[in-house]
């Protein structure tokens, strides 16, 4: 498996600072964290919806 050592992490951090600047990196990290949270919540919400069987309403059951 490919592992990341200290040298690789330092190089990646340096490239990020050069590309985005030091002020922009905390904003990117916050937005990434919020995105991951929203994704996890979406998965939990969908799993909760699929917990029970769903019955589709029939046309005969509705009064027109």
Protein backbone atom coordinates (compact mmCIF):
# COMPACT_ATOMS: atom_id res chain seq x y z
CA UNK A 1 0.00 0.00 0.00
CA UNK A 2 1.21 3.50 -0.68
CA UNK A 3 1.79 5.40 2.54
CA UNK A 4 2.36 9.10 3.00
CA UNK A 5 5.48 10.01 4.93
CA UNK A 6 6.46 13.31 6.48
CA UNK A 7 8.32 14.46 3.38
CA UNK A 8 5.33 13.84 1.10
CA UNK A 9 2.96 15.69 3.44
CA UNK A 10 5.33 18.68 3.60
CA UNK A 11 5.60 18.78 -0.20
CA UNK A 12 1.80 18.59 -0.61
CA UNK A 13 1.33 21.38 1.97
CA UNK A 14 3.90 23.55 0.18
CA UNK A 15 2.17 23.04 -3.17
CA UNK A 16 -1.19 23.96 -1.62
CA UNK A 17 0.24 27.15 -0.13
CA UNK A 18 1.77 28.12 -3.47
CA UNK A 19 -1.41 27.39 -5.43
CA UNK A 20 -4.03 28.84 -3.09
CA UNK A 21 -2.19 31.15 -0.70
CA UNK A 22 -2.07 30.96 3.09
CA UNK A 23 -5.33 32.88 3.66
CA UNK A 24 -7.42 30.68 1.36
CA UNK A 25 -6.44 27.27 2.81
CA UNK A 26 -8.52 27.50 6.04
CA UNK A 27 -11.56 28.46 3.96
CA UNK A 28 -11.01 25.45 1.69
CA UNK A 29 -10.62 23.12 4.68
CA UNK A 30 -13.83 24.44 6.26
CA UNK A 31 -15.77 24.06 3.05
CA UNK A 32 -14.41 20.52 2.58
CA UNK A 33 -15.47 19.61 6.13
CA UNK A 34 -18.97 21.01 5.59
CA UNK A 35 -19.26 19.08 2.33
CA UNK A 36 -18.26 15.81 3.99
CA UNK A 37 -20.78 16.43 6.81
CA UNK A 38 -23.55 17.16 4.32
CA UNK A 39 -22.71 13.98 2.40
CA UNK A 40 -22.77 11.86 5.58
CA UNK A 41 -26.08 13.40 6.67
CA UNK A 42 -27.53 12.69 3.23
CA UNK A 43 -26.52 9.05 3.53
CA UNK A 44 -28.09 8.79 6.99
CA UNK A 45 -31.30 10.47 5.77
CA UNK A 46 -31.58 8.09 2.82
CA UNK A 47 -30.92 5.05 5.01
CA UNK A 48 -33.65 6.23 7.39
CA UNK A 49 -36.09 6.59 4.47
CA UNK A 50 -35.39 3.08 3.24
CA UNK A 51 -35.91 1.50 6.68
CA UNK A 52 -39.54 0.56 6.20
CA UNK A 53 -41.46 -0.79 3.24
CA UNK A 54 -43.22 1.80 1.16
CA UNK A 55 -46.70 1.32 -0.21
CA UNK A 56 -47.69 3.24 -3.26
CA UNK A 57 -51.20 4.70 -3.15
CA UNK A 58 -53.66 3.21 -5.61
CA UNK A 59 -55.87 5.29 -7.81
CA UNK A 60 -58.97 3.47 -6.51
CA UNK A 61 -58.17 4.58 -2.94
CA UNK A 62 -58.28 8.26 -3.83
CA UNK A 63 -61.65 9.96 -4.01
CA UNK A 64 -61.93 11.98 -7.18
